Protein backbone atom coordinates (compact mmCIF):
# COMPACT_ATOMS: atom_id res chain seq x y z
CA UNK A 1 47.50 -74.49 39.24
CA UNK A 2 48.34 -70.82 39.74
CA UNK A 3 47.09 -67.85 37.72
CA UNK A 4 49.08 -65.28 35.72
CA UNK A 5 47.61 -62.02 34.46
CA UNK A 6 49.29 -60.32 31.52
CA UNK A 7 48.56 -57.62 28.98
CA UNK A 8 49.78 -56.66 25.54
CA UNK A 9 50.64 -53.13 24.46
CA UNK A 10 52.09 -51.49 21.38
CA UNK A 11 51.39 -49.16 18.50
CA UNK A 12 48.48 -49.76 16.14
CA UNK A 13 49.14 -52.75 13.87
CA UNK A 14 52.18 -53.95 15.81
CA UNK A 15 50.47 -57.33 16.12
CA UNK A 16 49.03 -57.40 19.64
CA UNK A 17 45.77 -59.11 18.77
CA UNK A 18 47.53 -61.46 16.34
CA UNK A 19 49.91 -62.49 19.11
CA UNK A 20 47.05 -63.30 21.48
CA UNK A 21 45.23 -65.16 18.71
CA UNK A 22 48.40 -67.14 18.04
CA UNK A 23 48.78 -68.05 21.73
CA UNK A 24 45.17 -69.22 21.91
CA UNK A 25 45.34 -71.09 18.60
CA UNK A 26 48.61 -72.90 19.24
CA UNK A 27 47.55 -73.96 22.75
CA UNK A 28 44.17 -75.26 21.54
CA UNK A 29 42.15 -72.64 23.40
CA UNK A 30 39.90 -71.42 20.58
CA UNK A 31 36.52 -73.12 20.43
CA UNK A 32 35.56 -74.89 17.21
CA UNK A 33 32.53 -72.68 16.55
CA UNK A 34 34.64 -69.53 16.89
CA UNK A 35 37.21 -70.93 14.48
CA UNK A 36 34.44 -71.72 12.00
CA UNK A 37 33.02 -68.19 12.32
CA UNK A 38 36.40 -66.56 11.82
CA UNK A 39 37.11 -68.76 8.81
CA UNK A 40 33.72 -67.84 7.29
CA UNK A 41 34.70 -64.17 7.52
CA UNK A 42 37.35 -64.65 4.83
CA UNK A 43 40.12 -66.90 6.04
CA UNK A 44 41.52 -67.39 9.52
CA UNK A 45 42.56 -64.01 10.92
CA UNK A 46 43.97 -64.59 14.39
CA UNK A 47 43.66 -60.91 15.29
CA UNK A 48 39.86 -61.19 15.23
CA UNK A 49 39.84 -63.67 18.11
CA UNK A 50 39.90 -60.80 20.60
CA UNK A 51 38.10 -58.07 18.64
CA UNK A 52 34.55 -58.50 19.87
CA UNK A 53 33.15 -55.18 18.69
CA UNK A 54 31.96 -54.81 15.10
CA UNK A 55 33.48 -51.32 14.99
CA UNK A 56 36.85 -52.80 15.85
CA UNK A 57 36.77 -55.18 12.90
CA UNK A 58 35.64 -52.46 10.54
CA UNK A 59 38.34 -50.03 11.69
CA UNK A 60 40.91 -52.82 12.15
CA UNK A 61 41.88 -51.57 15.60
CA UNK A 62 41.14 -52.64 19.15
CA UNK A 63 38.93 -50.09 20.96
CA UNK A 64 37.66 -51.77 24.11
CA UNK A 65 39.71 -53.74 26.63
CA UNK A 66 39.13 -57.42 25.86
CA UNK A 67 39.73 -60.17 28.41
CA UNK A 68 40.54 -63.72 27.36
CA UNK A 69 41.01 -66.75 29.56
CA UNK A 70 43.07 -69.80 28.65
CA UNK A 71 45.15 -72.49 30.25
CA UNK A 72 47.97 -74.90 29.54
CA UNK A 73 48.96 -77.98 31.53
CA UNK A 74 51.26 -75.72 33.56
CA UNK A 75 49.24 -72.57 34.30
CA UNK A 76 46.02 -70.58 33.95
CA UNK A 77 46.08 -67.18 32.28
CA UNK A 78 44.00 -64.02 31.99
CA UNK A 79 44.97 -61.88 28.99
CA UNK A 80 44.10 -58.21 28.77
CA UNK A 81 44.13 -57.05 25.14
CA UNK A 82 44.23 -53.26 25.39
CA UNK A 83 44.02 -50.66 22.59
CA UNK A 84 47.18 -49.44 20.91
CA UNK A 85 46.00 -46.07 19.62
CA UNK A 86 47.05 -42.89 21.44
CA UNK A 87 43.52 -41.80 22.32
CA UNK A 88 42.89 -45.09 24.15
CA UNK A 89 45.98 -44.96 26.39
CA UNK A 90 43.66 -44.56 29.38
CA UNK A 91 42.13 -47.96 28.52
CA UNK A 92 45.60 -49.49 28.79
CA UNK A 93 46.14 -47.90 32.20
CA UNK A 94 42.87 -49.46 33.35
CA UNK A 95 43.52 -52.84 31.79
CA UNK A 96 47.10 -53.13 33.02
CA UNK A 97 46.48 -51.96 36.58
CA UNK A 98 46.53 -55.48 38.04
CA UNK A 99 48.71 -57.49 35.67
CA UNK A 100 51.81 -59.48 36.58
CA UNK A 101 53.46 -59.17 33.15
CA UNK A 102 53.24 -56.58 30.38
CA UNK A 103 54.21 -57.52 26.81
CA UNK A 104 55.17 -54.51 24.70
CA UNK A 105 55.26 -55.26 20.99
CA UNK A 106 57.53 -53.35 18.63
CA UNK A 107 57.20 -53.62 14.87
CA UNK A 108 60.71 -54.47 13.64
CA UNK A 109 60.15 -52.21 10.64
CA UNK A 110 59.07 -49.12 12.59
CA UNK A 111 61.21 -49.56 15.69
CA UNK A 112 60.47 -47.54 18.80
CA UNK A 113 57.61 -45.08 18.31
CA UNK A 114 55.87 -42.48 20.46
CA UNK A 115 53.36 -45.14 21.52
CA UNK A 116 56.19 -47.47 22.52
CA UNK A 117 57.45 -44.73 24.84
CA UNK A 118 53.94 -44.02 26.10
CA UNK A 119 53.22 -47.69 26.86
CA UNK A 120 56.60 -48.07 28.53
CA UNK A 121 55.69 -45.08 30.66
CA UNK A 122 52.49 -46.88 31.64
CA UNK A 123 54.60 -49.88 32.69
CA UNK A 124 56.78 -47.57 34.78
CA UNK A 125 53.74 -45.73 36.17
CA UNK A 126 52.09 -48.99 37.26
CA UNK A 127 55.39 -50.56 38.41
CA UNK A 128 54.63 -53.76 36.48
CA UNK A 129 56.76 -56.57 37.89
CA UNK A 130 57.89 -58.15 34.60
CA UNK A 131 58.26 -56.58 31.17
CA UNK A 132 58.57 -58.54 27.91
CA UNK A 133 59.60 -56.61 24.80
CA UNK A 134 58.47 -58.62 21.77
CA UNK A 135 60.22 -57.41 18.62
CA UNK A 136 57.60 -58.58 16.17
CA UNK A 137 57.38 -59.08 12.40
CA UNK A 138 60.95 -60.34 12.22
CA UNK A 139 59.88 -62.37 9.19
CA UNK A 140 59.79 -59.13 7.18
CA UNK A 141 63.51 -58.66 7.91
CA UNK A 142 64.62 -62.24 7.26
CA UNK A 143 65.03 -62.67 11.04
CA UNK A 144 68.14 -60.49 10.97
CA UNK A 145 69.91 -60.37 14.33
CA UNK A 146 71.23 -56.84 13.74
CA UNK A 147 67.66 -55.50 13.46
CA UNK A 148 66.79 -57.13 16.78
CA UNK A 149 69.95 -55.90 18.53
CA UNK A 150 69.52 -52.33 17.29
CA UNK A 151 65.98 -52.07 18.65
CA UNK A 152 66.98 -53.81 21.89
CA UNK A 153 69.85 -51.38 22.52
CA UNK A 154 67.65 -48.36 21.80
CA UNK A 155 64.93 -49.65 24.11
CA UNK A 156 67.36 -50.28 26.97
CA UNK A 157 68.46 -46.63 26.82
CA UNK A 158 64.83 -45.55 27.15
CA UNK A 159 64.14 -48.10 29.90
CA UNK A 160 66.99 -46.70 31.95
CA UNK A 161 65.36 -43.26 31.94
CA UNK A 162 62.05 -44.75 33.06
CA UNK A 163 63.54 -46.97 35.75
CA UNK A 164 62.32 -50.15 34.05
CA UNK A 165 64.03 -53.37 35.06
CA UNK A 166 63.47 -57.12 34.76
CA UNK A 167 63.06 -56.98 30.96
CA UNK A 168 63.19 -59.93 28.56
CA UNK A 169 63.53 -59.32 24.80
CA UNK A 170 62.14 -61.87 22.34
CA UNK A 171 62.41 -61.72 18.50
CA UNK A 172 59.25 -63.13 16.99
CA UNK A 173 56.72 -63.36 14.22
CA UNK A 174 53.27 -63.59 15.77
CA UNK A 175 51.78 -64.21 12.33
CA UNK A 176 53.91 -67.30 11.69
CA UNK A 177 54.35 -68.36 15.32
CA UNK A 178 58.12 -67.94 15.59
CA UNK A 179 59.23 -67.90 19.26
CA UNK A 180 55.63 -67.60 20.47
CA UNK A 181 54.83 -71.04 21.84
CA UNK A 182 58.01 -72.80 20.70
CA UNK A 183 61.51 -71.67 19.79
CA UNK A 184 62.07 -71.03 16.09
CA UNK A 185 64.83 -72.51 13.98
CA UNK A 186 64.82 -69.22 12.05
CA UNK A 187 66.49 -67.39 14.95
CA UNK A 188 69.37 -69.70 15.92
CA UNK A 189 71.24 -66.69 17.30
CA UNK A 190 68.55 -66.04 19.94
CA UNK A 191 69.41 -67.43 23.36
CA UNK A 192 66.31 -67.27 25.49
CA UNK A 193 62.83 -68.70 26.03
CA UNK A 194 59.83 -68.69 23.75
CA UNK A 195 57.10 -66.40 25.03
CA UNK A 196 54.85 -69.19 26.33
CA UNK A 197 57.71 -70.82 28.22
CA UNK A 198 58.46 -67.50 29.91
CA UNK A 199 54.81 -66.97 30.85
CA UNK A 200 54.46 -70.51 32.21
CA UNK A 201 57.63 -70.34 34.30
CA UNK A 202 57.53 -66.73 35.58
CA UNK A 203 57.40 -66.66 39.36
CA UNK A 204 55.05 -63.95 40.59
CA UNK A 205 56.68 -62.04 43.45
CA UNK A 206 54.87 -62.64 46.72
CA UNK A 207 53.83 -59.74 48.89
CA UNK A 208 56.63 -59.39 51.40
CA UNK A 209 55.09 -56.58 53.44
CA UNK A 210 54.50 -58.11 56.87
CA UNK A 211 52.70 -55.22 58.56
CA UNK A 212 48.95 -55.51 59.03
CA UNK A 213 46.65 -53.49 56.79
CA UNK A 214 42.93 -54.34 56.88
CA UNK A 215 40.61 -52.22 54.74
CA UNK A 216 37.07 -51.99 56.18
CA UNK A 217 34.28 -52.28 53.61
CA UNK A 218 30.97 -52.29 55.50
CA UNK A 219 29.18 -53.22 58.73
CA UNK A 220 27.40 -56.56 59.16
CA UNK A 221 24.64 -57.25 61.69
CA UNK A 222 24.33 -60.98 62.42
CA UNK A 223 23.29 -60.94 66.05
CA UNK A 224 26.31 -58.84 66.90
CA UNK A 225 27.99 -55.94 65.11
CA UNK A 226 30.72 -57.10 62.75
CA UNK A 227 32.78 -55.40 60.07
CA UNK A 228 33.65 -56.91 56.69
CA UNK A 229 36.96 -56.09 55.07
CA UNK A 230 39.99 -57.34 53.21
CA UNK A 231 43.41 -57.96 54.70
CA UNK A 232 45.73 -56.17 52.28
CA UNK A 233 48.90 -57.33 54.03
CA UNK A 234 50.13 -59.01 57.18
CA UNK A 235 48.35 -61.20 59.72
CA UNK A 236 45.53 -60.48 62.17
CA UNK A 237 45.00 -62.50 65.36
CA UNK A 238 41.98 -62.62 67.61
CA UNK A 239 42.86 -60.57 70.68
CA UNK A 240 45.13 -58.16 68.76
CA UNK A 241 45.12 -54.52 69.77
CA UNK A 242 44.83 -52.46 66.59
CA UNK A 243 44.83 -48.84 65.51
CA UNK A 244 41.93 -47.47 63.47
CA UNK A 245 43.42 -45.15 60.88
CA UNK A 246 43.24 -42.31 60.04
CA UNK A 247 41.47 -41.43 63.33
CA UNK A 248 44.15 -43.04 65.53
CA UNK A 249 41.60 -44.68 67.86
CA UNK A 250 42.40 -48.09 69.36
CA UNK A 251 40.32 -51.23 69.66
CA UNK A 252 40.78 -54.92 70.36
CA UNK A 253 39.74 -57.60 67.86
CA UNK A 254 37.57 -59.95 69.90
CA UNK A 255 37.03 -62.50 67.12
CA UNK A 256 37.53 -63.11 63.39
CA UNK A 257 35.22 -64.85 60.92
CA UNK A 258 36.51 -66.25 57.61
CA UNK A 259 34.35 -68.26 55.20
CA UNK A 260 31.63 -68.37 57.90
CA UNK A 261 33.99 -70.03 60.41
CA UNK A 262 35.48 -68.45 63.53
CA UNK A 263 39.28 -68.50 63.21
CA UNK A 264 42.11 -67.55 65.52
CA UNK A 265 44.08 -65.73 62.81
CA UNK A 266 43.80 -64.65 59.19
CA UNK A 267 46.37 -63.66 56.58
CA UNK A 268 46.47 -61.49 53.47
CA UNK A 269 44.67 -61.51 51.07
CA UNK A 270 41.73 -62.97 53.04
CA UNK A 271 38.28 -61.37 53.15
CA UNK A 272 37.15 -61.45 56.77
CA UNK A 273 34.55 -60.19 59.21
CA UNK A 274 36.01 -58.81 62.44
CA UNK A 275 34.37 -58.08 65.76
CA UNK A 276 35.70 -55.45 68.14
CA UNK A 277 35.41 -54.70 71.85
CA UNK A 278 32.50 -52.42 71.02
CA UNK A 279 34.37 -49.72 69.12
CA UNK A 280 32.57 -48.80 65.89
CA UNK A 281 34.32 -48.90 62.54
CA UNK A 282 33.45 -47.16 59.27
CA UNK A 283 33.94 -47.86 55.57
CA UNK A 284 37.38 -46.63 54.57
CA UNK A 285 39.05 -47.27 57.91
CA UNK A 286 42.43 -49.04 57.82
CA UNK A 287 43.32 -51.30 60.74
CA UNK A 288 46.99 -51.74 61.65
CA UNK A 289 49.07 -52.77 64.61
CA UNK A 290 50.11 -49.78 66.76
CA UNK A 291 53.84 -50.24 66.12
CA UNK A 292 53.61 -50.13 62.30
CA UNK A 293 50.79 -47.80 61.33
CA UNK A 294 50.29 -46.40 57.80
CA UNK A 295 50.86 -42.79 56.85
CA UNK A 296 47.94 -40.43 57.30
CA UNK A 297 47.14 -36.86 56.42
CA UNK A 298 45.51 -34.65 53.83
CA UNK A 299 48.33 -33.67 51.44
CA UNK A 300 50.61 -35.89 49.39
CA UNK A 301 52.48 -36.06 46.09
CA UNK A 302 51.43 -38.54 43.41
CA UNK A 303 52.25 -39.72 39.91
CA UNK A 304 49.02 -39.19 37.94
CA UNK A 305 47.61 -40.07 34.53
CA UNK A 306 44.73 -37.89 33.36
CA UNK A 307 42.12 -40.09 31.66
CA UNK A 308 39.15 -37.85 30.83
CA UNK A 309 38.90 -37.34 27.07
CA UNK A 310 36.25 -34.62 27.41
CA UNK A 311 37.47 -32.22 30.08
CA UNK A 312 40.95 -31.21 31.19
CA UNK A 313 42.12 -31.10 34.79
CA UNK A 314 40.63 -28.21 36.75
CA UNK A 315 42.82 -27.29 39.73
CA UNK A 316 39.96 -25.27 41.20
CA UNK A 317 37.50 -28.19 41.22
CA UNK A 318 36.74 -30.71 43.95
CA UNK A 319 37.01 -34.34 42.78
CA UNK A 320 36.20 -37.53 44.67
CA UNK A 321 39.34 -39.44 45.61
CA UNK A 322 39.13 -43.18 46.22
CA UNK A 323 41.85 -45.46 47.63
CA UNK A 324 40.55 -48.96 48.38
CA UNK A 325 37.28 -48.26 50.25
CA UNK A 326 38.33 -44.82 51.52
CA UNK A 327 36.74 -41.80 49.85
CA UNK A 328 37.28 -38.08 50.32
CA UNK A 329 36.75 -34.83 48.49
CA UNK A 330 40.02 -33.79 46.88
CA UNK A 331 41.65 -31.00 44.91
CA UNK A 332 44.74 -31.09 42.73
CA UNK A 333 46.48 -28.12 44.29
CA UNK A 334 49.37 -28.00 41.84
CA UNK A 335 50.88 -29.74 38.82
CA UNK A 336 54.55 -30.01 39.76
CA UNK A 337 55.67 -31.15 36.31
CA UNK A 338 54.50 -33.04 33.24
CA UNK A 339 56.42 -35.68 31.29
CA UNK A 340 57.42 -35.11 27.66
CA UNK A 341 56.58 -38.32 25.81
CA UNK A 342 59.28 -37.75 23.16
CA UNK A 343 62.22 -37.02 25.45
CA UNK A 344 60.87 -38.56 28.69
CA UNK A 345 62.06 -35.40 30.44
CA UNK A 346 60.06 -33.39 32.96
CA UNK A 347 58.72 -30.00 31.93
CA UNK A 348 56.29 -27.35 33.17
CA UNK A 349 53.81 -25.12 31.36
CA UNK A 350 50.55 -23.31 32.07
CA UNK A 351 48.33 -25.56 29.94
CA UNK A 352 45.88 -27.78 31.86
CA UNK A 353 46.53 -31.51 32.04
CA UNK A 354 44.69 -33.31 29.23
CA UNK A 355 43.74 -36.89 28.36
CA UNK A 356 46.57 -39.45 28.39
CA UNK A 357 49.12 -37.03 29.86
CA UNK A 358 51.30 -38.06 32.79
CA UNK A 359 52.36 -35.69 35.55
CA UNK A 360 53.51 -35.40 39.13
CA UNK A 361 50.90 -33.51 41.14
CA UNK A 362 50.12 -32.43 44.67
CA UNK A 363 46.76 -33.61 46.05
CA UNK A 364 44.92 -32.31 49.09
CA UNK A 365 41.90 -34.09 50.56
CA UNK A 366 39.11 -32.46 52.56
CA UNK A 367 39.59 -34.94 55.40
CA UNK A 368 42.49 -37.14 56.53
CA UNK A 369 43.01 -40.54 54.88
CA UNK A 370 45.49 -43.38 55.50
CA UNK A 371 47.91 -44.61 52.86
CA UNK A 372 51.27 -46.30 52.20
CA UNK A 373 53.91 -45.65 49.58
CA UNK A 374 53.59 -47.71 46.39
CA UNK A 375 56.95 -49.42 46.86
CA UNK A 376 55.81 -50.58 50.30
CA UNK A 377 52.23 -51.69 49.63
CA UNK A 378 50.79 -51.02 46.18
CA UNK A 379 47.20 -51.85 47.16
CA UNK A 380 47.13 -49.00 49.66
CA UNK A 381 48.97 -46.51 47.45
CA UNK A 382 46.99 -46.38 44.22
CA UNK A 383 43.64 -44.79 43.58
CA UNK A 384 41.40 -42.87 41.23
CA UNK A 385 39.79 -39.44 40.95
CA UNK A 386 36.10 -39.25 40.05
CA UNK A 387 34.28 -36.23 38.65
CA UNK A 388 31.24 -35.79 40.93
CA UNK A 389 29.28 -34.06 38.15
CA UNK A 390 29.52 -36.97 35.69
CA UNK A 391 30.57 -39.85 37.95
CA UNK A 392 33.33 -40.58 35.41
CA UNK A 393 36.76 -41.77 36.49
CA UNK A 394 39.01 -38.95 35.30
CA UNK A 395 42.44 -39.91 36.66
CA UNK A 396 44.48 -42.74 38.12
CA UNK A 397 47.32 -42.06 40.54
CA UNK A 398 50.07 -43.73 42.56
CA UNK A 399 51.54 -42.42 45.80
CA UNK A 400 55.26 -42.86 45.31
């Protein structure tokens, strides 16, 4: 049984936590003791299934990123319930960084809001493979098709600006369960799947990138010098001649160990230990075949989300850049443009980049690193910036 990761996003009180509670309740994935506790708190409130922090229940918002696990006879799921409030946009970026599907909820009464645009920008920023737009609270509008169509048309115009594709729209009432786990008789005009059917049947795109990328994590001494790492893409064979990037040195893989067995070949996404002809490797090295090496250098352009709520971006400061296991001192040499959340247009000003703002920036590292473009191999194209003074993650970026 395969696994699907998905997240919910939307403005405050659009019904994200209620939707997750409904999915868990209708599929029988809420334990009896939790149901009893929630009922004791004043009637069954499905939104409280995911709100684990007392402050969240008191403020009636989701603050932390909550993870829930459930399964049906057809699939296993990991749900990321991320905050909807503006100041917690960075939590959504973190929570959605590895999902297969993003569900953006829109309150049928309020329509598209600034947070809808912001969360859609996150989906575009992270290049999420499948987007579901759940037009929620349709019960408050007597399930009127014209309300659904108006919001759908407006969203498609915005999606075109953001380059969002592969979108499914679903009219629903998370509170009453309409079109959540089963199709509702109240929307006979809707031709499409219920949400659960879509999630159970969605085929996760397989990684098509055939070129070898092996990220070295650390050295292992077990009678001979080996190097542990993860194959990000492609296939490695014992006897292969490989390049060590970014240095450009060459070595031959004498043997490969996987799950404590010696194997003749290994494929992505295997964790392996490799042995060379005596050439030493270091954490952060990327192994590739000579004919299809990754890019390497010290300067590149990225799409970046600033996540530090305390301090703004300082273009004169050295940050720690991390891509996979590679680390290097780094400076943001210029902010090429920011993105206006209301118009989704690019603009420039002299103000420093602040929390939850998106921009295109130029980075320069203090030493060469190896990378790929996001469209080619996402795992070797996304990273974070860390403030060395606080050890806080202050930004996430993608090399487009």
